[in-house]
Amino acid sequence: MFGLFAWKMIAFINILPLSFIVLLTGFSLLGVFIQSVQLT
């Protein structure tokens, strides 16, 4: 269902400011970064 309706989200994502998209990307990778730093 996510794959079938993902194309509808493209228009919404395109109207978002680039800084907001970068912020969301950073938050989504924060858990992976913290786990990697702890392991290292």
Full PDB file with SEQRES, HELIX, SHEET, SSBOND, CRYST1, ORIGX, SCALE, CONECT and MASTER records, all heavy atoms in Angstrom:
SEQRES   1 A   40  MET PHE GLY LEU PHE ALA TRP LYS MET ILE ALA PHE ILE          
SEQRES   2 A   40  ASN ILE LEU PRO LEU SER PHE ILE VAL LEU LEU THR GLY          
SEQRES   3 A   40  PHE SER LEU LEU GLY VAL PHE ILE GLN SER VAL GLN LEU          
SEQRES   4 A   40  THR                                                          
HELIX    1 AA1 PHE A    2  ILE A   15  1                                  14    
HELIX    2 AA2 LEU A   18  LEU A   39  1                                  22    
CRYST1    1.000    1.000    1.000  90.00  90.00  90.00 P 1           1          
ORIGX1      1.000000  0.000000  0.000000        0.00000                         
ORIGX2      0.000000  1.000000  0.000000        0.00000                         
ORIGX3      0.000000  0.000000  1.000000        0.00000                         
SCALE1      1.000000  0.000000  0.000000        0.00000                         
SCALE2      0.000000  1.000000  0.000000        0.00000                         
SCALE3      0.000000  0.000000  1.000000        0.00000                         
ATOM      1  N   MET A   1       0.833  -1.204   0.000  1.00  0.00           N  
ATOM      2  CA  MET A   1       0.000   0.000   0.000  1.00  0.00           C  
ATOM      3  C   MET A   1       0.870   1.257   0.000  1.00  0.00           C  
ATOM      4  O   MET A   1       0.571   2.225  -0.695  1.00  0.00           O  
ATOM      5  CB  MET A   1      -0.939   0.003   1.206  1.00  0.00           C  
ATOM      6  CG  MET A   1      -1.959  -1.103   1.199  1.00  0.00           C  
ATOM      7  SD  MET A   1      -3.058  -1.023  -0.221  1.00  0.00           S  
ATOM      8  CE  MET A   1      -4.048   0.368   0.231  1.00  0.00           C  
ATOM      9  N   PHE A   2       1.931   1.229   0.775  1.00  0.00           N  
ATOM     10  CA  PHE A   2       2.849   2.366   0.792  1.00  0.00           C  
ATOM     11  C   PHE A   2       3.449   2.574  -0.597  1.00  0.00           C  
ATOM     12  O   PHE A   2       3.528   3.702  -1.093  1.00  0.00           O  
ATOM     13  CB  PHE A   2       3.959   2.133   1.816  1.00  0.00           C  
ATOM     14  CG  PHE A   2       4.983   3.223   1.824  1.00  0.00           C  
ATOM     15  CD1 PHE A   2       4.713   4.435   2.431  1.00  0.00           C  
ATOM     16  CD2 PHE A   2       6.201   3.032   1.212  1.00  0.00           C  
ATOM     17  CE1 PHE A   2       5.644   5.446   2.426  1.00  0.00           C  
ATOM     18  CE2 PHE A   2       7.145   4.040   1.204  1.00  0.00           C  
ATOM     19  CZ  PHE A   2       6.872   5.254   1.811  1.00  0.00           C  
ATOM     20  N   GLY A   3       3.867   1.474  -1.239  1.00  0.00           N  
ATOM     21  CA  GLY A   3       4.451   1.574  -2.570  1.00  0.00           C  
ATOM     22  C   GLY A   3       3.459   2.073  -3.606  1.00  0.00           C  
ATOM     23  O   GLY A   3       3.814   2.849  -4.491  1.00  0.00           O  
ATOM     24  N   LEU A   4       2.213   1.651  -3.501  1.00  0.00           N  
ATOM     25  CA  LEU A   4       1.200   2.068  -4.480  1.00  0.00           C  
ATOM     26  C   LEU A   4       0.839   3.549  -4.353  1.00  0.00           C  
ATOM     27  O   LEU A   4       0.537   4.203  -5.349  1.00  0.00           O  
ATOM     28  CB  LEU A   4      -0.060   1.214  -4.325  1.00  0.00           C  
ATOM     29  CG  LEU A   4       0.059  -0.228  -4.801  1.00  0.00           C  
ATOM     30  CD1 LEU A   4      -1.202  -1.012  -4.440  1.00  0.00           C  
ATOM     31  CD2 LEU A   4       0.289  -0.270  -6.306  1.00  0.00           C  
ATOM     32  N   PHE A   5       0.870   4.073  -3.133  1.00  0.00           N  
ATOM     33  CA  PHE A   5       0.440   5.456  -2.942  1.00  0.00           C  
ATOM     34  C   PHE A   5       1.590   6.421  -2.665  1.00  0.00           C  
ATOM     35  O   PHE A   5       1.366   7.592  -2.378  1.00  0.00           O  
ATOM     36  CB  PHE A   5      -0.595   5.523  -1.812  1.00  0.00           C  
ATOM     37  CG  PHE A   5      -1.872   4.824  -2.164  1.00  0.00           C  
ATOM     38  CD1 PHE A   5      -2.184   3.603  -1.597  1.00  0.00           C  
ATOM     39  CD2 PHE A   5      -2.747   5.376  -3.078  1.00  0.00           C  
ATOM     40  CE1 PHE A   5      -3.361   2.949  -1.927  1.00  0.00           C  
ATOM     41  CE2 PHE A   5      -3.915   4.735  -3.427  1.00  0.00           C  
ATOM     42  CZ  PHE A   5      -4.224   3.508  -2.850  1.00  0.00           C  
ATOM     43  N   ALA A   6       2.814   5.947  -2.779  1.00  0.00           N  
ATOM     44  CA  ALA A   6       3.968   6.815  -2.534  1.00  0.00           C  
ATOM     45  C   ALA A   6       4.057   7.934  -3.563  1.00  0.00           C  
ATOM     46  O   ALA A   6       4.487   9.049  -3.249  1.00  0.00           O  
ATOM     47  CB  ALA A   6       5.244   5.993  -2.536  1.00  0.00           C  
ATOM     48  N   TRP A   7       3.601   7.684  -4.782  1.00  0.00           N  
ATOM     49  CA  TRP A   7       3.684   8.704  -5.826  1.00  0.00           C  
ATOM     50  C   TRP A   7       2.832   9.926  -5.495  1.00  0.00           C  
ATOM     51  O   TRP A   7       3.127  11.035  -5.925  1.00  0.00           O  
ATOM     52  CB  TRP A   7       3.276   8.124  -7.170  1.00  0.00           C  
ATOM     53  CG  TRP A   7       1.846   7.682  -7.246  1.00  0.00           C  
ATOM     54  CD1 TRP A   7       1.345   6.477  -6.889  1.00  0.00           C  
ATOM     55  CD2 TRP A   7       0.753   8.471  -7.687  1.00  0.00           C  
ATOM     56  NE1 TRP A   7      -0.007   6.457  -7.077  1.00  0.00           N  
ATOM     57  CE2 TRP A   7      -0.406   7.670  -7.578  1.00  0.00           C  
ATOM     58  CE3 TRP A   7       0.614   9.762  -8.171  1.00  0.00           C  
ATOM     59  CZ2 TRP A   7      -1.665   8.129  -7.934  1.00  0.00           C  
ATOM     60  CZ3 TRP A   7      -0.643  10.218  -8.526  1.00  0.00           C  
ATOM     61  CH2 TRP A   7      -1.763   9.394  -8.407  1.00  0.00           C  
ATOM     62  N   LYS A   8       1.791   9.752  -4.693  1.00  0.00           N  
ATOM     63  CA  LYS A   8       0.960  10.889  -4.307  1.00  0.00           C  
ATOM     64  C   LYS A   8       1.670  11.809  -3.320  1.00  0.00           C  
ATOM     65  O   LYS A   8       1.338  12.983  -3.210  1.00  0.00           O  
ATOM     66  CB  LYS A   8      -0.362  10.411  -3.705  1.00  0.00           C  
ATOM     67  CG  LYS A   8      -1.281   9.794  -4.716  1.00  0.00           C  
ATOM     68  CD  LYS A   8      -2.651   9.585  -4.134  1.00  0.00           C  
ATOM     69  CE  LYS A   8      -3.560   9.090  -5.232  1.00  0.00           C  
ATOM     70  NZ  LYS A   8      -4.877   9.633  -5.157  1.00  0.00           N  
ATOM     71  N   MET A   9       2.653  11.277  -2.618  1.00  0.00           N  
ATOM     72  CA  MET A   9       3.386  12.074  -1.641  1.00  0.00           C  
ATOM     73  C   MET A   9       4.450  12.961  -2.287  1.00  0.00           C  
ATOM     74  O   MET A   9       4.936  13.893  -1.669  1.00  0.00           O  
ATOM     75  CB  MET A   9       4.046  11.160  -0.607  1.00  0.00           C  
ATOM     76  CG  MET A   9       3.066  10.418   0.276  1.00  0.00           C  
ATOM     77  SD  MET A   9       1.987  11.509   1.219  1.00  0.00           S  
ATOM     78  CE  MET A   9       3.156  12.297   2.281  1.00  0.00           C  
ATOM     79  N   ILE A  10       4.812  12.677  -3.530  1.00  0.00           N  
ATOM     80  CA  ILE A  10       5.872  13.446  -4.186  1.00  0.00           C  
ATOM     81  C   ILE A  10       5.499  14.911  -4.296  1.00  0.00           C  
ATOM     82  O   ILE A  10       6.325  15.792  -4.038  1.00  0.00           O  
ATOM     83  CB  ILE A  10       6.208  12.837  -5.555  1.00  0.00           C  
ATOM     84  CG1 ILE A  10       6.849  11.465  -5.360  1.00  0.00           C  
ATOM     85  CG2 ILE A  10       7.127  13.748  -6.352  1.00  0.00           C  
ATOM     86  CD1 ILE A  10       7.084  10.704  -6.622  1.00  0.00           C  
ATOM     87  N   ALA A  11       4.266  15.220  -4.654  1.00  0.00           N  
ATOM     88  CA  ALA A  11       3.847  16.618  -4.773  1.00  0.00           C  
ATOM     89  C   ALA A  11       3.935  17.316  -3.419  1.00  0.00           C  
ATOM     90  O   ALA A  11       4.366  18.474  -3.336  1.00  0.00           O  
ATOM     91  CB  ALA A  11       2.424  16.692  -5.316  1.00  0.00           C  
ATOM     92  N   PHE A  12       3.560  16.625  -2.377  1.00  0.00           N  
ATOM     93  CA  PHE A  12       3.643  17.203  -1.034  1.00  0.00           C  
ATOM     94  C   PHE A  12       5.094  17.433  -0.619  1.00  0.00           C  
ATOM     95  O   PHE A  12       5.437  18.485  -0.069  1.00  0.00           O  
ATOM     96  CB  PHE A  12       2.940  16.286  -0.023  1.00  0.00           C  
ATOM     97  CG  PHE A  12       3.067  16.735   1.391  1.00  0.00           C  
ATOM     98  CD1 PHE A  12       2.404  17.864   1.839  1.00  0.00           C  
ATOM     99  CD2 PHE A  12       3.867  16.042   2.268  1.00  0.00           C  
ATOM    100  CE1 PHE A  12       2.535  18.294   3.145  1.00  0.00           C  
ATOM    101  CE2 PHE A  12       4.008  16.456   3.584  1.00  0.00           C  
ATOM    102  CZ  PHE A  12       3.344  17.582   4.014  1.00  0.00           C  
ATOM    103  N   ILE A  13       5.944  16.476  -0.885  1.00  0.00           N  
ATOM    104  CA  ILE A  13       7.352  16.600  -0.513  1.00  0.00           C  
ATOM    105  C   ILE A  13       8.028  17.720  -1.304  1.00  0.00           C  
ATOM    106  O   ILE A  13       8.873  18.441  -0.777  1.00  0.00           O  
ATOM    107  CB  ILE A  13       8.080  15.257  -0.704  1.00  0.00           C  
ATOM    108  CG1 ILE A  13       7.571  14.256   0.323  1.00  0.00           C  
ATOM    109  CG2 ILE A  13       9.593  15.407  -0.601  1.00  0.00           C  
ATOM    110  CD1 ILE A  13       8.058  12.848   0.121  1.00  0.00           C  
ATOM    111  N   ASN A  14       7.634  17.908  -2.557  1.00  0.00           N  
ATOM    112  CA  ASN A  14       8.237  18.956  -3.386  1.00  0.00           C  
ATOM    113  C   ASN A  14       7.907  20.362  -2.899  1.00  0.00           C  
ATOM    114  O   ASN A  14       8.662  21.295  -3.180  1.00  0.00           O  
ATOM    115  CB  ASN A  14       7.816  18.804  -4.838  1.00  0.00           C  
ATOM    116  CG  ASN A  14       8.590  17.722  -5.540  1.00  0.00           C  
ATOM    117  OD1 ASN A  14       9.709  17.406  -5.160  1.00  0.00           O  
ATOM    118  ND2 ASN A  14       7.996  17.143  -6.569  1.00  0.00           N  
ATOM    119  N   ILE A  15       6.795  20.548  -2.186  1.00  0.00           N  
ATOM    120  CA  ILE A  15       6.474  21.896  -1.706  1.00  0.00           C  
ATOM    121  C   ILE A  15       7.133  22.203  -0.364  1.00  0.00           C  
ATOM    122  O   ILE A  15       7.137  23.349   0.071  1.00  0.00           O  
ATOM    123  CB  ILE A  15       4.947  22.123  -1.593  1.00  0.00           C  
ATOM    124  CG1 ILE A  15       4.319  21.188  -0.570  1.00  0.00           C  
ATOM    125  CG2 ILE A  15       4.288  21.987  -2.944  1.00  0.00           C  
ATOM    126  CD1 ILE A  15       2.869  21.504  -0.265  1.00  0.00           C  
ATOM    127  N   LEU A  16       7.718  21.189   0.273  1.00  0.00           N  
ATOM    128  CA  LEU A  16       8.404  21.416   1.549  1.00  0.00           C  
ATOM    129  C   LEU A  16       9.734  22.121   1.318  1.00  0.00           C  
ATOM    130  O   LEU A  16      10.404  21.884   0.317  1.00  0.00           O  
ATOM    131  CB  LEU A  16       8.655  20.084   2.258  1.00  0.00           C  
ATOM    132  CG  LEU A  16       7.426  19.342   2.754  1.00  0.00           C  
ATOM    133  CD1 LEU A  16       7.829  17.976   3.286  1.00  0.00           C  
ATOM    134  CD2 LEU A  16       6.715  20.134   3.815  1.00  0.00           C  
ATOM    135  N   PRO A  17      10.133  22.989   2.243  1.00  0.00           N  
ATOM    136  CA  PRO A  17      11.445  23.634   2.105  1.00  0.00           C  
ATOM    137  C   PRO A  17      12.575  22.612   2.230  1.00  0.00           C  
ATOM    138  O   PRO A  17      12.466  21.622   2.961  1.00  0.00           O  
ATOM    139  CB  PRO A  17      11.507  24.619   3.276  1.00  0.00           C  
ATOM    140  CG  PRO A  17      10.174  24.613   3.911  1.00  0.00           C  
ATOM    141  CD  PRO A  17       9.394  23.456   3.396  1.00  0.00           C  
ATOM    142  N   LEU A  18      13.648  22.860   1.513  1.00  0.00           N  
ATOM    143  CA  LEU A  18      14.781  21.945   1.510  1.00  0.00           C  
ATOM    144  C   LEU A  18      15.361  21.762   2.914  1.00  0.00           C  
ATOM    145  O   LEU A  18      15.725  20.657   3.301  1.00  0.00           O  
ATOM    146  CB  LEU A  18      15.869  22.439   0.557  1.00  0.00           C  
ATOM    147  CG  LEU A  18      17.100  21.559   0.437  1.00  0.00           C  
ATOM    148  CD1 LEU A  18      16.723  20.179  -0.085  1.00  0.00           C  
ATOM    149  CD2 LEU A  18      18.124  22.208  -0.463  1.00  0.00           C  
ATOM    150  N   SER A  19      15.410  22.829   3.696  1.00  0.00           N  
ATOM    151  CA  SER A  19      15.969  22.724   5.048  1.00  0.00           C  
ATOM    152  C   SER A  19      15.133  21.782   5.914  1.00  0.00           C  
ATOM    153  O   SER A  19      15.676  21.059   6.746  1.00  0.00           O  
ATOM    154  CB  SER A  19      16.056  24.103   5.690  1.00  0.00           C  
ATOM    155  OG  SER A  19      14.782  24.713   5.730  1.00  0.00           O  
ATOM    156  N   PHE A  20      13.828  21.764   5.725  1.00  0.00           N  
ATOM    157  CA  PHE A  20      12.962  20.856   6.489  1.00  0.00           C  
ATOM    158  C   PHE A  20      13.207  19.403   6.095  1.00  0.00           C  
ATOM    159  O   PHE A  20      13.255  18.511   6.946  1.00  0.00           O  
ATOM    160  CB  PHE A  20      11.492  21.227   6.280  1.00  0.00           C  
ATOM    161  CG  PHE A  20      10.550  20.404   7.087  1.00  0.00           C  
ATOM    162  CD1 PHE A  20      10.464  20.557   8.460  1.00  0.00           C  
ATOM    163  CD2 PHE A  20       9.751  19.449   6.485  1.00  0.00           C  
ATOM    164  CE1 PHE A  20       9.589  19.802   9.221  1.00  0.00           C  
ATOM    165  CE2 PHE A  20       8.869  18.681   7.231  1.00  0.00           C  
ATOM    166  CZ  PHE A  20       8.793  18.856   8.599  1.00  0.00           C  
ATOM    167  N   ILE A  21      13.408  19.158   4.811  1.00  0.00           N  
ATOM    168  CA  ILE A  21      13.681  17.809   4.334  1.00  0.00           C  
ATOM    169  C   ILE A  21      15.024  17.324   4.883  1.00  0.00           C  
ATOM    170  O   ILE A  21      15.161  16.178   5.321  1.00  0.00           O  
ATOM    171  CB  ILE A  21      13.659  17.755   2.795  1.00  0.00           C  
ATOM    172  CG1 ILE A  21      12.239  18.047   2.298  1.00  0.00           C  
ATOM    173  CG2 ILE A  21      14.130  16.405   2.276  1.00  0.00           C  
ATOM    174  CD1 ILE A  21      12.125  18.220   0.814  1.00  0.00           C  
ATOM    175  N   VAL A  22      16.013  18.217   4.896  1.00  0.00           N  
ATOM    176  CA  VAL A  22      17.318  17.866   5.453  1.00  0.00           C  
ATOM    177  C   VAL A  22      17.189  17.567   6.944  1.00  0.00           C  
ATOM    178  O   VAL A  22      17.791  16.629   7.461  1.00  0.00           O  
ATOM    179  CB  VAL A  22      18.338  18.994   5.192  1.00  0.00           C  
ATOM    180  CG1 VAL A  22      19.615  18.781   5.971  1.00  0.00           C  
ATOM    181  CG2 VAL A  22      18.618  19.112   3.704  1.00  0.00           C  
ATOM    182  N   LEU A  23      16.380  18.349   7.655  1.00  0.00           N  
ATOM    183  CA  LEU A  23      16.153  18.128   9.079  1.00  0.00           C  
ATOM    184  C   LEU A  23      15.515  16.762   9.331  1.00  0.00           C  
ATOM    185  O   LEU A  23      15.947  16.011  10.206  1.00  0.00           O  
ATOM    186  CB  LEU A  23      15.278  19.239   9.648  1.00  0.00           C  
ATOM    187  CG  LEU A  23      14.964  19.173  11.129  1.00  0.00           C  
ATOM    188  CD1 LEU A  23      16.198  19.578  11.922  1.00  0.00           C  
ATOM    189  CD2 LEU A  23      13.821  20.100  11.450  1.00  0.00           C  
ATOM    190  N   LEU A  24      14.505  16.415   8.552  1.00  0.00           N  
ATOM    191  CA  LEU A  24      13.851  15.115   8.697  1.00  0.00           C  
ATOM    192  C   LEU A  24      14.816  13.968   8.390  1.00  0.00           C  
ATOM    193  O   LEU A  24      14.818  12.942   9.076  1.00  0.00           O  
ATOM    194  CB  LEU A  24      12.639  15.013   7.778  1.00  0.00           C  
ATOM    195  CG  LEU A  24      11.402  15.784   8.199  1.00  0.00           C  
ATOM    196  CD1 LEU A  24      10.301  15.614   7.172  1.00  0.00           C  
ATOM    197  CD2 LEU A  24      10.925  15.349   9.559  1.00  0.00           C  
ATOM    198  N   THR A  25      15.641  14.155   7.378  1.00  0.00           N  
ATOM    199  CA  THR A  25      16.629  13.137   7.041  1.00  0.00           C  
ATOM    200  C   THR A  25      17.616  12.949   8.182  1.00  0.00           C  
ATOM    201  O   THR A  25      17.970  11.821   8.543  1.00  0.00           O  
ATOM    202  CB  THR A  25      17.374  13.523   5.754  1.00  0.00           C  
ATOM    203  OG1 THR A  25      16.424  13.745   4.716  1.00  0.00           O  
ATOM    204  CG2 THR A  25      18.337  12.439   5.333  1.00  0.00           C  
ATOM    205  N   GLY A  26      18.058  14.066   8.769  1.00  0.00           N  
ATOM    206  CA  GLY A  26      18.981  13.986   9.899  1.00  0.00           C  
ATOM    207  C   GLY A  26      18.373  13.271  11.081  1.00  0.00           C  
ATOM    208  O   GLY A  26      19.025  12.431  11.718  1.00  0.00           O  
ATOM    209  N   PHE A  27      17.114  13.571  11.385  1.00  0.00           N  
ATOM    210  CA  PHE A  27      16.446  12.896  12.500  1.00  0.00           C  
ATOM    211  C   PHE A  27      16.273  11.406  12.225  1.00  0.00           C  
ATOM    212  O   PHE A  27      16.389  10.582  13.127  1.00  0.00           O  
ATOM    213  CB  PHE A  27      15.083  13.526  12.788  1.00  0.00           C  
ATOM    214  CG  PHE A  27      15.170  14.783  13.586  1.00  0.00           C  
ATOM    215  CD1 PHE A  27      14.315  15.833  13.313  1.00  0.00           C  
ATOM    216  CD2 PHE A  27      16.083  14.937  14.607  1.00  0.00           C  
ATOM    217  CE1 PHE A  27      14.383  17.004  14.056  1.00  0.00           C  
ATOM    218  CE2 PHE A  27      16.162  16.097  15.345  1.00  0.00           C  
ATOM    219  CZ  PHE A  27      15.308  17.131  15.075  1.00  0.00           C  
ATOM    220  N   SER A  28      16.011  11.056  10.982  1.00  0.00           N  
ATOM    221  CA  SER A  28      15.820   9.639  10.673  1.00  0.00           C  
ATOM    222  C   SER A  28      17.130   8.859  10.792  1.00  0.00           C  
ATOM    223  O   SER A  28      17.113   7.666  11.082  1.00  0.00           O  
ATOM    224  CB  SER A  28      15.232   9.470   9.278  1.00  0.00           C  
ATOM    225  OG  SER A  28      16.161   9.863   8.294  1.00  0.00           O  
ATOM    226  N   LEU A  29      18.261   9.519  10.579  1.00  0.00           N  
ATOM    227  CA  LEU A  29      19.555   8.839  10.670  1.00  0.00           C  
ATOM    228  C   LEU A  29      20.197   8.950  12.041  1.00  0.00           C  
ATOM    229  O   LEU A  29      21.242   8.349  12.286  1.00  0.00           O  
ATOM    230  CB  LEU A  29      20.510   9.406   9.613  1.00  0.00           C  
ATOM    231  CG  LEU A  29      20.111   9.143   8.172  1.00  0.00           C  
ATOM    232  CD1 LEU A  29      21.051   9.876   7.228  1.00  0.00           C  
ATOM    233  CD2 LEU A  29      20.113   7.661   7.878  1.00  0.00           C  
ATOM    234  N   LEU A  30      19.581   9.690  12.943  1.00  0.00           N  
ATOM    235  CA  LEU A  30      20.168   9.922  14.255  1.00  0.00           C  
ATOM    236  C   LEU A  30      20.333   8.630  15.059  1.00  0.00           C  
ATOM    237  O   LEU A  30      21.373   8.419  15.688  1.00  0.00           O  
ATOM    238  CB  LEU A  30      19.308  10.925  15.033  1.00  0.00           C  
ATOM    239  CG  LEU A  30      19.931  11.553  16.261  1.00  0.00           C  
ATOM    240  CD1 LEU A  30      21.209  12.280  15.891  1.00  0.00           C  
ATOM    241  CD2 LEU A  30      18.952  12.520  16.898  1.00  0.00           C  
ATOM    242  N   GLY A  31      19.361   7.762  15.032  1.00  0.00           N  
ATOM    243  CA  GLY A  31      19.451   6.496  15.765  1.00  0.00           C  
ATOM    244  C   GLY A  31      20.587   5.628  15.265  1.00  0.00           C  
ATOM    245  O   GLY A  31      21.325   5.030  16.058  1.00  0.00           O  
ATOM    246  N   VAL A  32      20.750   5.553  13.955  1.00  0.00           N  
ATOM    247  CA  VAL A  32      21.833   4.769  13.369  1.00  0.00           C  
ATOM    248  C   VAL A  32      23.175   5.372  13.765  1.00  0.00           C  
ATOM    249  O   VAL A  32      24.120   4.648  14.115  1.00  0.00           O  
ATOM    250  CB  VAL A  32      21.699   4.723  11.829  1.00  0.00           C  
ATOM    251  CG1 VAL A  32      22.891   4.047  11.193  1.00  0.00           C  
ATOM    252  CG2 VAL A  32      20.411   4.046  11.435  1.00  0.00           C  
ATOM    253  N   PHE A  33      23.273   6.703  13.731  1.00  0.00           N  
ATOM    254  CA  PHE A  33      24.521   7.371  14.102  1.00  0.00           C  
ATOM    255  C   PHE A  33      24.869   7.114  15.567  1.00  0.00           C  
ATOM    256  O   PHE A  33      26.017   6.787  15.890  1.00  0.00           O  
ATOM    257  CB  PHE A  33      24.406   8.879  13.843  1.00  0.00           C  
ATOM    258  CG  PHE A  33      25.612   9.647  14.289  1.00  0.00           C  
ATOM    259  CD1 PHE A  33      26.798   9.564  13.591  1.00  0.00           C  
ATOM    260  CD2 PHE A  33      25.554  10.446  15.416  1.00  0.00           C  
ATOM    261  CE1 PHE A  33      27.914  10.264  14.001  1.00  0.00           C  
ATOM    262  CE2 PHE A  33      26.663  11.155  15.831  1.00  0.00           C  
ATOM    263  CZ  PHE A  33      27.850  11.061  15.121  1.00  0.00           C  
ATOM    264  N   ILE A  34      23.896   7.242  16.450  1.00  0.00           N  
ATOM    265  CA  ILE A  34      24.148   7.028  17.883  1.00  0.00           C  
ATOM    266  C   ILE A  34      24.589   5.592  18.146  1.00  0.00           C  
ATOM    267  O   ILE A  34      25.543   5.348  18.890  1.00  0.00           O  
ATOM    268  CB  ILE A  34      22.897   7.400  18.709  1.00  0.00           C  
ATOM    269  CG1 ILE A  34      22.696   8.912  18.688  1.00  0.00           C  
ATOM    270  CG2 ILE A  34      23.006   6.895  20.138  1.00  0.00           C  
ATOM    271  CD1 ILE A  34      21.395   9.366  19.294  1.00  0.00           C  
ATOM    272  N   GLN A  35      23.925   4.639  17.519  1.00  0.00           N  
ATOM    273  CA  GLN A  35      24.304   3.236  17.701  1.00  0.00           C  
ATOM    274  C   GLN A  35      25.709   2.980  17.169  1.00  0.00           C  
ATOM    275  O   GLN A  35      26.499   2.262  17.804  1.00  0.00           O  
ATOM    276  CB  GLN A  35      23.304   2.332  17.000  1.00  0.00           C  
ATOM    277  CG  GLN A  35      23.572   0.858  17.204  1.00  0.00           C  
ATOM    278  CD  GLN A  35      22.546  -0.011  16.513  1.00  0.00           C  
ATOM    279  OE1 GLN A  35      21.675   0.474  15.797  1.00  0.00           O  
ATOM    280  NE2 GLN A  35      22.640  -1.305  16.709  1.00  0.00           N  
ATOM    281  N   SER A  36      26.064   3.564  16.044  1.00  0.00           N  
ATOM    282  CA  SER A  36      27.390   3.376  15.473  1.00  0.00           C  
ATOM    283  C   SER A  36      28.467   3.978  16.364  1.00  0.00           C  
ATOM    284  O   SER A  36      29.527   3.376  16.566  1.00  0.00           O  
ATOM    285  CB  SER A  36      27.471   4.014  14.084  1.00  0.00           C  
ATOM    286  OG  SER A  36      26.585   3.394  13.213  1.00  0.00           O  
ATOM    287  N   VAL A  37      28.213   5.172  16.902  1.00  0.00           N  
ATOM    288  CA  VAL A  37      29.191   5.812  17.780  1.00  0.00           C  
ATOM    289  C   VAL A  37      29.368   5.003  19.060  1.00  0.00           C  
ATOM    290  O   VAL A  37      30.496   4.806  19.524  1.00  0.00           O  
ATOM    291  CB  VAL A  37      28.775   7.271  18.084  1.00  0.00           C  
ATOM    292  CG1 VAL A  37      29.602   7.861  19.197  1.00  0.00           C  
ATOM    293  CG2 VAL A  37      28.900   8.119  16.831  1.00  0.00           C  
ATOM    294  N   GLN A  38      28.279   4.522  19.636  1.00  0.00           N  
ATOM    295  CA  GLN A  38      28.380   3.712  20.847  1.00  0.00           C  
ATOM    296  C   GLN A  38      29.183   2.439  20.591  1.00  0.00           C  
ATOM    297  O   GLN A  38      30.035   2.056  21.399  1.00  0.00           O  
ATOM    298  CB  GLN A  38      26.997   3.351  21.374  1.00  0.00           C  
ATOM    299  CG  GLN A  38      26.281   4.503  22.019  1.00  0.00           C  
ATOM    300  CD  GLN A  38      24.856   4.144  22.418  1.00  0.00           C  
ATOM    301  OE1 GLN A  38      24.286   3.171  21.935  1.00  0.00           O  
ATOM    302  NE2 GLN A  38      24.274   4.954  23.283  1.00  0.00           N  
ATOM    303  N   LEU A  39      28.925   1.797  19.474  1.00  0.00           N  
ATOM    304  CA  LEU A  39      29.641   0.566  19.142  1.00  0.00           C  
ATOM    305  C   LEU A  39      31.120   0.843  18.891  1.00  0.00           C  
ATOM    306  O   LEU A  39      31.989   0.107  19.348  1.00  0.00           O  
ATOM    307  CB  LEU A  39      29.013  -0.096  17.915  1.00  0.00           C  
ATOM    308  CG  LEU A  39      29.634  -1.407  17.456  1.00  0.00           C  
ATOM    309  CD1 LEU A  39      29.419  -2.483  18.524  1.00  0.00           C  
ATOM    310  CD2 LEU A  39      29.007  -1.842  16.156  1.00  0.00           C  
ATOM    311  N   THR A  40      31.404   1.925  18.200  1.00  0.00           N  
ATOM    312  CA  THR A  40      32.788   2.256  17.873  1.00  0.00           C  
ATOM    313  C   THR A  40      33.601   2.600  19.106  1.00  0.00           C  
ATOM    314  O   THR A  40      34.715   2.116  19.296  1.00  0.00           O  
ATOM    315  CB  THR A  40      32.832   3.434  16.885  1.00  0.00           C  
ATOM    316  OG1 THR A  40      32.127   3.068  15.711  1.00  0.00           O  
ATOM    317  CG2 THR A  40      34.249   3.794  16.522  1.00  0.00           C  
TER     318      THR A  40                                                      
MASTER        0    0    0    2    0    0    0    6  317    1    0    4          
END                                                                             
